[in-house]
Amino acid sequence: MISNTISSAALGMLTGLGTTTNQPVVNNNITINSGSQESKDSTFIEPNPYSQTEDYSISPQFTMVINKMCISLLTVNDNKLLGNIIDQSHRIICSVQNLQILISLFLGCQQSDMSVNLFPIEPIACCGCRSLNPFCDIENIKIKSKDFKMMYYTAYNVLKDDYHFCFDRVLI
């Protein structure tokens, strides 16, 4: 009985003096609206670049050229030259011409259909003299005006991960 009196007095303090009709109400219901039942397909303003990716097949010419290139690199007894040709990420840095030949042979397209666009060459300044950097960064690689990394992403990943070619820099 004493506990009922204390709880009614405590509720009377919460509601204030006099009789009021405002009582706190706790509602434990959760409502989730899923919207309309119709499924809407998402449409892109621009065409989706991944909808029409290009296939590739490894040609025997590609295997022969890459073997000759690796043999010529490994038979050079110049450690500094090998240090410059292998990137810090352990990828092989090629010249622009060699990279074009390897990609065109790998994809089976003409070498004239592809272009390697480079960023401007920045000179290195040290000790008051200016020398040219032997490396140049690649902006993008286009094949028939399509981006190589996007439209040929499977071939790009195979060349980068399996054959360890660097697509970030080239030798000048």
N, C-alpha and C. Protein backbone atom coordinates (compact mmCIF):
# COMPACT_ATOMS: atom_id res chain seq x y z
N MET A 1 0.81 -1.19 0.00
CA MET A 1 0.00 0.00 0.00
C MET A 1 0.85 1.26 0.00
N ILE A 2 1.92 1.22 0.76
CA ILE A 2 2.80 2.38 0.79
C ILE A 2 3.44 2.57 -0.58
N SER A 3 3.80 1.50 -1.27
CA SER A 3 4.41 1.64 -2.59
C SER A 3 3.43 2.21 -3.59
N ASN A 4 2.14 1.87 -3.50
CA ASN A 4 1.13 2.45 -4.39
C ASN A 4 0.98 3.94 -4.14
N THR A 5 1.05 4.36 -2.90
CA THR A 5 0.92 5.78 -2.57
C THR A 5 2.11 6.55 -3.10
N ILE A 6 3.30 5.99 -2.97
CA ILE A 6 4.51 6.67 -3.44
C ILE A 6 4.48 6.77 -4.96
N SER A 7 4.09 5.71 -5.66
CA SER A 7 4.07 5.77 -7.10
C SER A 7 2.99 6.73 -7.61
N SER A 8 1.83 6.81 -6.92
CA SER A 8 0.81 7.76 -7.36
C SER A 8 1.24 9.17 -7.07
N ALA A 9 1.99 9.39 -5.97
CA ALA A 9 2.49 10.74 -5.66
C ALA A 9 3.56 11.14 -6.66
N ALA A 10 4.38 10.18 -7.07
CA ALA A 10 5.42 10.49 -8.06
C ALA A 10 4.79 10.82 -9.41
N LEU A 11 3.73 10.10 -9.81
CA LEU A 11 3.04 10.41 -11.05
C LEU A 11 2.33 11.76 -10.96
N GLY A 12 1.83 12.09 -9.76
CA GLY A 12 1.19 13.39 -9.58
C GLY A 12 2.18 14.52 -9.72
N MET A 13 3.42 14.29 -9.30
CA MET A 13 4.46 15.31 -9.44
C MET A 13 4.85 15.48 -10.90
N LEU A 14 4.88 14.38 -11.65
CA LEU A 14 5.25 14.47 -13.05
C LEU A 14 4.18 15.18 -13.86
N THR A 15 2.93 14.96 -13.53
CA THR A 15 1.86 15.57 -14.32
C THR A 15 1.58 16.99 -13.89
N GLY A 16 2.14 17.44 -12.78
CA GLY A 16 1.92 18.81 -12.34
C GLY A 16 0.73 18.88 -11.42
N LEU A 17 0.37 20.07 -10.99
CA LEU A 17 -0.74 20.27 -10.07
C LEU A 17 -2.05 20.28 -10.84
N GLY A 18 -3.04 19.77 -10.27
CA GLY A 18 -4.34 19.77 -10.90
C GLY A 18 -4.48 18.57 -11.83
N THR A 19 -5.60 18.53 -12.45
CA THR A 19 -5.85 17.42 -13.36
C THR A 19 -5.54 17.87 -14.78
N THR A 20 -4.73 17.12 -15.43
CA THR A 20 -4.41 17.39 -16.83
C THR A 20 -4.70 16.14 -17.63
N THR A 21 -4.90 16.32 -18.90
CA THR A 21 -5.15 15.17 -19.77
C THR A 21 -3.91 14.72 -20.51
N ASN A 22 -2.82 15.42 -20.33
CA ASN A 22 -1.57 15.05 -21.00
C ASN A 22 -0.86 13.97 -20.20
N GLN A 23 -0.87 12.79 -20.69
CA GLN A 23 -0.16 11.68 -20.07
C GLN A 23 0.89 11.18 -21.05
N PRO A 24 2.10 10.87 -20.58
CA PRO A 24 3.11 10.34 -21.50
C PRO A 24 2.70 8.96 -22.02
N VAL A 25 2.87 8.79 -23.31
CA VAL A 25 2.51 7.53 -23.95
C VAL A 25 3.76 6.98 -24.65
N VAL A 26 4.07 5.73 -24.39
CA VAL A 26 5.21 5.07 -25.03
C VAL A 26 4.64 4.09 -26.04
N ASN A 27 5.10 4.24 -27.27
CA ASN A 27 4.63 3.38 -28.35
C ASN A 27 5.80 2.54 -28.84
N ASN A 28 5.67 1.23 -28.82
CA ASN A 28 6.76 0.35 -29.24
C ASN A 28 6.54 -0.22 -30.63
N ASN A 29 5.76 0.41 -31.44
CA ASN A 29 5.51 -0.08 -32.78
C ASN A 29 6.54 0.48 -33.76
N ILE A 30 7.00 -0.35 -34.68
CA ILE A 30 7.92 0.08 -35.73
C ILE A 30 7.23 -0.14 -37.05
N THR A 31 7.20 0.90 -37.89
CA THR A 31 6.55 0.81 -39.19
C THR A 31 7.60 0.99 -40.27
N ILE A 32 7.60 0.06 -41.24
CA ILE A 32 8.54 0.14 -42.36
C ILE A 32 7.72 0.21 -43.63
N ASN A 33 7.91 1.30 -44.37
CA ASN A 33 7.23 1.44 -45.66
C ASN A 33 8.22 1.11 -46.76
N SER A 34 7.82 0.23 -47.65
CA SER A 34 8.71 -0.12 -48.75
C SER A 34 8.39 0.68 -50.00
N GLY A 35 7.44 1.56 -49.93
CA GLY A 35 7.08 2.34 -51.11
C GLY A 35 6.16 1.55 -52.01
N SER A 36 6.17 1.88 -53.25
CA SER A 36 5.30 1.18 -54.19
C SER A 36 5.88 -0.20 -54.50
N GLN A 37 5.04 -1.09 -54.89
CA GLN A 37 5.45 -2.45 -55.19
C GLN A 37 6.08 -2.59 -56.57
N GLU A 38 6.01 -1.56 -57.39
CA GLU A 38 6.59 -1.62 -58.73
C GLU A 38 8.11 -1.52 -58.64
N SER A 39 8.81 -2.35 -59.39
CA SER A 39 10.28 -2.28 -59.42
C SER A 39 10.70 -1.34 -60.55
N LYS A 40 11.56 -0.43 -60.20
CA LYS A 40 12.04 0.53 -61.19
C LYS A 40 13.47 0.19 -61.54
N ASP A 41 13.77 0.09 -62.82
CA ASP A 41 15.14 -0.14 -63.28
C ASP A 41 15.89 1.18 -63.25
N SER A 42 17.12 1.13 -62.76
CA SER A 42 17.91 2.35 -62.73
C SER A 42 18.43 2.63 -64.14
N THR A 43 18.33 3.86 -64.54
CA THR A 43 18.82 4.26 -65.85
C THR A 43 19.95 5.25 -65.66
N PHE A 44 20.93 5.15 -66.53
CA PHE A 44 22.08 6.04 -66.48
C PHE A 44 21.91 7.13 -67.53
N ILE A 45 22.38 8.30 -67.19
CA ILE A 45 22.36 9.38 -68.16
C ILE A 45 23.41 9.10 -69.24
N GLU A 46 24.59 8.67 -68.80
CA GLU A 46 25.64 8.31 -69.74
C GLU A 46 25.61 6.79 -69.92
N PRO A 47 26.10 6.28 -71.02
CA PRO A 47 26.11 4.83 -71.18
C PRO A 47 27.07 4.18 -70.17
N ASN A 48 26.68 3.02 -69.69
CA ASN A 48 27.47 2.31 -68.72
C ASN A 48 28.72 1.75 -69.40
N PRO A 49 29.93 2.13 -68.96
CA PRO A 49 31.15 1.68 -69.65
C PRO A 49 31.43 0.19 -69.46
N TYR A 50 30.86 -0.43 -68.44
CA TYR A 50 31.14 -1.84 -68.19
C TYR A 50 30.16 -2.77 -68.90
N SER A 51 29.21 -2.23 -69.62
CA SER A 51 28.22 -3.09 -70.27
C SER A 51 28.77 -3.78 -71.51
N GLN A 52 29.77 -3.22 -72.16
CA GLN A 52 30.32 -3.80 -73.38
C GLN A 52 31.84 -3.87 -73.30
N THR A 53 32.34 -4.74 -72.44
CA THR A 53 33.79 -4.89 -72.34
C THR A 53 34.27 -5.81 -73.46
N GLU A 54 35.52 -5.64 -73.82
CA GLU A 54 36.09 -6.38 -74.94
C GLU A 54 36.81 -7.63 -74.44
N ASP A 55 36.76 -8.70 -75.21
CA ASP A 55 37.46 -9.94 -74.89
C ASP A 55 38.87 -9.91 -75.45
N TYR A 56 39.68 -10.83 -74.99
CA TYR A 56 41.05 -10.93 -75.48
C TYR A 56 41.43 -12.41 -75.54
N SER A 57 42.46 -12.70 -76.28
CA SER A 57 43.05 -14.04 -76.30
C SER A 57 44.55 -13.87 -76.48
N ILE A 58 45.31 -14.68 -75.78
CA ILE A 58 46.77 -14.57 -75.80
C ILE A 58 47.29 -15.24 -77.07
N SER A 59 47.99 -14.47 -77.88
CA SER A 59 48.52 -15.00 -79.13
C SER A 59 49.92 -15.56 -78.90
N PRO A 60 50.35 -16.51 -79.73
CA PRO A 60 51.72 -17.04 -79.59
C PRO A 60 52.78 -15.98 -79.87
N GLN A 61 52.47 -14.99 -80.70
CA GLN A 61 53.42 -13.91 -80.96
C GLN A 61 53.71 -13.13 -79.68
N PHE A 62 52.67 -12.89 -78.87
CA PHE A 62 52.84 -12.17 -77.62
C PHE A 62 53.80 -12.93 -76.71
N THR A 63 53.61 -14.22 -76.60
CA THR A 63 54.48 -15.04 -75.75
C THR A 63 55.92 -14.99 -76.24
N MET A 64 56.12 -15.04 -77.55
CA MET A 64 57.47 -15.00 -78.10
C MET A 64 58.13 -13.64 -77.84
N VAL A 65 57.39 -12.55 -78.05
CA VAL A 65 57.95 -11.21 -77.85
C VAL A 65 58.29 -10.97 -76.38
N ILE A 66 57.40 -11.38 -75.49
CA ILE A 66 57.67 -11.15 -74.07
C ILE A 66 58.84 -12.00 -73.59
N ASN A 67 58.99 -13.20 -74.13
CA ASN A 67 60.15 -14.03 -73.77
C ASN A 67 61.45 -13.39 -74.25
N LYS A 68 61.45 -12.88 -75.48
CA LYS A 68 62.66 -12.22 -76.01
C LYS A 68 63.00 -10.97 -75.20
N MET A 69 61.97 -10.22 -74.82
CA MET A 69 62.20 -9.00 -74.05
C MET A 69 62.76 -9.32 -72.67
N CYS A 70 62.21 -10.32 -72.00
CA CYS A 70 62.71 -10.69 -70.68
C CYS A 70 64.10 -11.28 -70.75
N ILE A 71 64.40 -12.06 -71.78
CA ILE A 71 65.74 -12.61 -71.94
C ILE A 71 66.76 -11.51 -72.18
N SER A 72 66.38 -10.51 -73.00
CA SER A 72 67.32 -9.41 -73.24
C SER A 72 67.54 -8.58 -71.98
N LEU A 73 66.52 -8.44 -71.14
CA LEU A 73 66.69 -7.71 -69.88
C LEU A 73 67.56 -8.49 -68.90
N LEU A 74 67.37 -9.79 -68.85
CA LEU A 74 68.10 -10.59 -67.87
C LEU A 74 69.55 -10.86 -68.28
N THR A 75 69.87 -10.77 -69.55
CA THR A 75 71.25 -11.01 -69.97
C THR A 75 72.13 -9.79 -69.83
N VAL A 76 71.55 -8.63 -69.55
CA VAL A 76 72.34 -7.42 -69.32
C VAL A 76 72.95 -7.53 -67.93
N ASN A 77 74.22 -7.29 -67.82
CA ASN A 77 74.91 -7.41 -66.53
C ASN A 77 75.02 -6.08 -65.81
N ASP A 78 74.15 -5.15 -66.08
CA ASP A 78 74.20 -3.84 -65.46
C ASP A 78 73.11 -3.78 -64.38
N ASN A 79 73.52 -3.81 -63.10
CA ASN A 79 72.56 -3.82 -62.00
C ASN A 79 71.78 -2.52 -61.90
N LYS A 80 72.43 -1.39 -62.21
CA LYS A 80 71.72 -0.11 -62.15
C LYS A 80 70.65 -0.03 -63.22
N LEU A 81 70.92 -0.57 -64.40
CA LEU A 81 69.92 -0.58 -65.45
C LEU A 81 68.73 -1.44 -65.05
N LEU A 82 69.00 -2.61 -64.47
CA LEU A 82 67.90 -3.45 -64.00
C LEU A 82 67.12 -2.78 -62.88
N GLY A 83 67.82 -2.03 -62.01
CA GLY A 83 67.15 -1.30 -60.94
C GLY A 83 66.23 -0.22 -61.48
N ASN A 84 66.58 0.38 -62.60
CA ASN A 84 65.72 1.41 -63.20
C ASN A 84 64.55 0.81 -63.98
N ILE A 85 64.73 -0.40 -64.48
CA ILE A 85 63.66 -1.01 -65.28
C ILE A 85 62.59 -1.65 -64.41
N ILE A 86 62.95 -2.08 -63.20
CA ILE A 86 61.99 -2.68 -62.29
C ILE A 86 61.49 -1.59 -61.34
N ASP A 87 60.18 -1.41 -61.27
CA ASP A 87 59.56 -0.39 -60.43
C ASP A 87 59.62 -0.81 -58.97
N GLN A 88 59.31 0.12 -58.05
CA GLN A 88 59.27 -0.20 -56.63
C GLN A 88 58.16 -1.19 -56.30
N SER A 89 57.14 -1.23 -57.12
CA SER A 89 56.06 -2.19 -56.92
C SER A 89 56.37 -3.51 -57.62
N HIS A 90 57.64 -3.71 -58.04
CA HIS A 90 58.12 -4.94 -58.69
C HIS A 90 57.44 -5.18 -60.03
N ARG A 91 57.21 -4.12 -60.76
CA ARG A 91 56.62 -4.22 -62.09
C ARG A 91 57.66 -3.76 -63.12
N ILE A 92 57.58 -4.32 -64.31
CA ILE A 92 58.53 -4.01 -65.37
C ILE A 92 58.12 -2.73 -66.08
N ILE A 93 59.03 -1.76 -66.14
CA ILE A 93 58.77 -0.51 -66.83
C ILE A 93 59.31 -0.62 -68.24
N CYS A 94 58.45 -0.45 -69.23
CA CYS A 94 58.84 -0.56 -70.64
C CYS A 94 58.92 0.82 -71.26
N SER A 95 59.46 0.86 -72.45
CA SER A 95 59.39 2.09 -73.24
C SER A 95 57.99 2.17 -73.86
N VAL A 96 57.66 3.32 -74.39
CA VAL A 96 56.33 3.51 -74.99
C VAL A 96 56.14 2.55 -76.17
N GLN A 97 57.17 2.40 -76.99
CA GLN A 97 57.06 1.53 -78.16
C GLN A 97 56.88 0.07 -77.76
N ASN A 98 57.67 -0.39 -76.78
CA ASN A 98 57.54 -1.78 -76.32
C ASN A 98 56.17 -2.03 -75.69
N LEU A 99 55.68 -1.05 -74.94
CA LEU A 99 54.36 -1.20 -74.31
C LEU A 99 53.27 -1.28 -75.37
N GLN A 100 53.37 -0.44 -76.42
CA GLN A 100 52.39 -0.51 -77.50
C GLN A 100 52.44 -1.85 -78.22
N ILE A 101 53.63 -2.36 -78.46
CA ILE A 101 53.77 -3.65 -79.14
C ILE A 101 53.18 -4.77 -78.29
N LEU A 102 53.49 -4.77 -76.99
CA LEU A 102 52.99 -5.83 -76.12
C LEU A 102 51.47 -5.81 -75.98
N ILE A 103 50.90 -4.63 -75.80
CA ILE A 103 49.44 -4.54 -75.65
C ILE A 103 48.75 -4.91 -76.96
N SER A 104 49.27 -4.44 -78.08
CA SER A 104 48.63 -4.77 -79.36
C SER A 104 48.71 -6.26 -79.66
N LEU A 105 49.84 -6.90 -79.34
CA LEU A 105 49.94 -8.34 -79.54
C LEU A 105 49.05 -9.11 -78.57
N PHE A 106 48.93 -8.62 -77.35
CA PHE A 106 48.10 -9.30 -76.36
C PHE A 106 46.63 -9.23 -76.73
N LEU A 107 46.20 -8.06 -77.23
CA LEU A 107 44.79 -7.89 -77.59
C LEU A 107 44.48 -8.35 -79.01
N GLY A 108 45.51 -8.47 -79.84
CA GLY A 108 45.29 -8.84 -81.23
C GLY A 108 44.78 -7.70 -82.08
N CYS A 109 45.17 -6.48 -81.75
CA CYS A 109 44.75 -5.31 -82.54
C CYS A 109 45.97 -4.70 -83.22
N GLN A 110 45.73 -3.74 -84.08
CA GLN A 110 46.82 -3.05 -84.77
C GLN A 110 47.49 -2.06 -83.82
N GLN A 111 48.79 -1.91 -83.97
CA GLN A 111 49.53 -0.98 -83.14
C GLN A 111 49.14 0.47 -83.45
N SER A 112 48.69 0.72 -84.67
CA SER A 112 48.27 2.08 -85.04
C SER A 112 46.94 2.46 -84.42
N ASP A 113 46.17 1.48 -83.93
CA ASP A 113 44.87 1.76 -83.30
C ASP A 113 45.00 2.21 -81.86
N MET A 114 46.17 2.13 -81.29
CA MET A 114 46.31 2.48 -79.88
C MET A 114 47.27 3.65 -79.69
N SER A 115 47.05 4.36 -78.61
CA SER A 115 47.92 5.49 -78.27
C SER A 115 48.16 5.50 -76.76
N VAL A 116 49.38 5.85 -76.39
CA VAL A 116 49.75 5.99 -74.99
C VAL A 116 49.95 7.48 -74.75
N ASN A 117 49.06 8.07 -73.95
CA ASN A 117 49.14 9.50 -73.65
C ASN A 117 49.92 9.70 -72.36
N LEU A 118 50.92 10.57 -72.43
CA LEU A 118 51.81 10.81 -71.30
C LEU A 118 51.57 12.19 -70.70
N PHE A 119 51.88 12.30 -69.41
CA PHE A 119 51.87 13.61 -68.76
C PHE A 119 53.11 14.37 -69.23
N PRO A 120 53.14 15.70 -69.12
CA PRO A 120 54.33 16.45 -69.54
C PRO A 120 55.55 16.05 -68.72
N ILE A 121 56.70 16.05 -69.38
CA ILE A 121 57.95 15.64 -68.74
C ILE A 121 58.45 16.79 -67.87
N GLU A 122 58.76 16.47 -66.61
CA GLU A 122 59.26 17.48 -65.68
C GLU A 122 60.74 17.24 -65.45
N PRO A 123 61.58 18.27 -65.60
CA PRO A 123 63.02 18.09 -65.35
C PRO A 123 63.31 17.96 -63.86
N ILE A 124 64.37 17.25 -63.54
CA ILE A 124 64.80 17.06 -62.16
C ILE A 124 65.85 18.13 -61.85
N ALA A 125 65.68 18.83 -60.74
CA ALA A 125 66.65 19.85 -60.35
C ALA A 125 67.44 19.34 -59.14
N CYS A 126 68.74 19.23 -59.31
CA CYS A 126 69.60 18.84 -58.19
C CYS A 126 70.95 19.56 -58.34
N CYS A 127 71.43 20.12 -57.27
CA CYS A 127 72.74 20.78 -57.23
C CYS A 127 72.89 21.87 -58.29
N GLY A 128 71.83 22.54 -58.62
CA GLY A 128 71.90 23.63 -59.58
C GLY A 128 71.86 23.19 -61.03
N CYS A 129 71.95 21.91 -61.31
CA CYS A 129 71.88 21.44 -62.69
C CYS A 129 70.50 20.84 -62.94
N ARG A 130 70.10 20.86 -64.16
CA ARG A 130 68.79 20.32 -64.50
C ARG A 130 69.01 19.16 -65.47
N SER A 131 68.45 18.04 -65.11
CA SER A 131 68.54 16.87 -65.98
C SER A 131 67.14 16.32 -66.19
N LEU A 132 66.99 15.53 -67.22
CA LEU A 132 65.68 14.96 -67.52
C LEU A 132 65.48 13.67 -66.75
N ASN A 133 64.28 13.47 -66.29
CA ASN A 133 63.89 12.25 -65.62
C ASN A 133 63.77 11.15 -66.68
N PRO A 134 64.35 9.96 -66.46
CA PRO A 134 64.24 8.91 -67.48
C PRO A 134 62.84 8.28 -67.55
N PHE A 135 61.98 8.63 -66.60
CA PHE A 135 60.63 8.08 -66.57
C PHE A 135 59.61 9.16 -66.87
N CYS A 136 58.50 8.73 -67.42
CA CYS A 136 57.39 9.65 -67.65
C CYS A 136 56.10 8.94 -67.23
N ASP A 137 55.22 9.67 -66.57
CA ASP A 137 53.97 9.09 -66.09
C ASP A 137 52.97 8.95 -67.22
N ILE A 138 52.21 7.87 -67.17
CA ILE A 138 51.18 7.61 -68.19
C ILE A 138 49.87 8.25 -67.74
N GLU A 139 49.29 9.05 -68.61
CA GLU A 139 47.99 9.64 -68.32
C GLU A 139 46.89 8.62 -68.60
N ASN A 140 46.87 8.04 -69.79
CA ASN A 140 45.92 6.98 -70.14
C ASN A 140 46.40 6.27 -71.39
N ILE A 141 45.81 5.11 -71.61
CA ILE A 141 46.09 4.32 -72.81
C ILE A 141 44.76 4.14 -73.53
N LYS A 142 44.71 4.56 -74.79
CA LYS A 142 43.48 4.48 -75.58
C LYS A 142 43.65 3.46 -76.70
N ILE A 143 42.63 2.65 -76.90
CA ILE A 143 42.60 1.70 -78.00
C ILE A 143 41.30 1.96 -78.76
N LYS A 144 41.44 2.45 -79.99
CA LYS A 144 40.29 2.85 -80.82
C LYS A 144 39.38 3.80 -80.03
N SER A 145 39.98 4.79 -79.41
CA SER A 145 39.33 5.83 -78.60
C SER A 145 38.58 5.27 -77.40
N LYS A 146 38.89 4.04 -76.98
CA LYS A 146 38.32 3.46 -75.76
C LYS A 146 39.43 3.34 -74.73
N ASP A 147 39.08 3.58 -73.49
CA ASP A 147 40.07 3.52 -72.42
C ASP A 147 40.46 2.06 -72.17
N PHE A 148 41.76 1.80 -72.16
CA PHE A 148 42.27 0.44 -72.02
C PHE A 148 41.92 -0.14 -70.65
N LYS A 149 42.05 0.66 -69.61
CA LYS A 149 41.80 0.17 -68.25
C LYS A 149 40.34 -0.16 -68.03
N MET A 150 39.44 0.59 -68.64
CA MET A 150 38.01 0.38 -68.42
C MET A 150 37.40 -0.66 -69.34
N MET A 151 37.69 -0.56 -70.62
CA MET A 151 37.04 -1.44 -71.58
C MET A 151 37.72 -2.80 -71.71
N TYR A 152 38.99 -2.88 -71.40
CA TYR A 152 39.74 -4.14 -71.46
C TYR A 152 40.26 -4.46 -70.06
N TYR A 153 39.42 -4.35 -69.06
CA TYR A 153 39.90 -4.47 -67.69
C TYR A 153 40.42 -5.86 -67.36
N THR A 154 39.90 -6.90 -67.99
CA THR A 154 40.43 -8.25 -67.74
C THR A 154 41.84 -8.36 -68.30
N ALA A 155 42.04 -7.90 -69.52
CA ALA A 155 43.38 -7.92 -70.13
C ALA A 155 44.33 -7.02 -69.35
N TYR A 156 43.85 -5.87 -68.92
CA TYR A 156 44.65 -4.94 -68.12
C TYR A 156 45.14 -5.62 -66.84
N ASN A 157 44.24 -6.29 -66.15
CA ASN A 157 44.61 -6.95 -64.89
C ASN A 157 45.54 -8.13 -65.13
N VAL A 158 45.35 -8.87 -66.22
CA VAL A 158 46.25 -9.99 -66.52
C VAL A 158 47.66 -9.47 -66.81
N LEU A 159 47.76 -8.43 -67.62
CA LEU A 159 49.08 -7.86 -67.94
C LEU A 159 49.74 -7.26 -66.70
N LYS A 160 48.95 -6.66 -65.83
CA LYS A 160 49.49 -6.01 -64.64
C LYS A 160 49.84 -7.02 -63.55
N ASP A 161 48.95 -7.96 -63.29
CA ASP A 161 49.15 -8.87 -62.16
C ASP A 161 49.92 -10.13 -62.52
N ASP A 162 49.65 -10.72 -63.68
CA ASP A 162 50.32 -11.97 -64.04
C ASP A 162 51.66 -11.73 -64.72
N TYR A 163 51.72 -10.75 -65.64
CA TYR A 163 52.96 -10.48 -66.36
C TYR A 163 53.77 -9.35 -65.74
N HIS A 164 53.23 -8.66 -64.74
CA HIS A 164 53.91 -7.64 -63.95
C HIS A 164 54.40 -6.45 -64.77
N PHE A 165 53.55 -5.94 -65.67
CA PHE A 165 53.90 -4.73 -66.41
C PHE A 165 53.38 -3.51 -65.67
N CYS A 166 54.15 -2.44 -65.71
CA CYS A 166 53.79 -1.19 -65.06
C CYS A 166 53.00 -0.33 -66.05
N PHE A 167 51.82 0.09 -65.66
CA PHE A 167 51.01 0.99 -66.48
C PHE A 167 50.94 2.39 -65.88
N ASP A 168 51.83 2.68 -64.94
CA ASP A 168 51.88 4.01 -64.34
C ASP A 168 52.98 4.87 -64.95
N ARG A 169 54.11 4.23 -65.34
CA ARG A 169 55.25 4.97 -65.88
C ARG A 169 55.85 4.22 -67.06
N VAL A 170 56.54 4.96 -67.91
CA VAL A 170 57.28 4.38 -69.03
C VAL A 170 58.67 4.99 -69.07
N LEU A 171 59.59 4.30 -69.72
CA LEU A 171 60.93 4.84 -69.96
C LEU A 171 60.88 5.74 -71.18
N ILE A 172 61.61 6.82 -71.12
CA ILE A 172 61.66 7.73 -72.26
C ILE A 172 62.75 7.30 -73.19
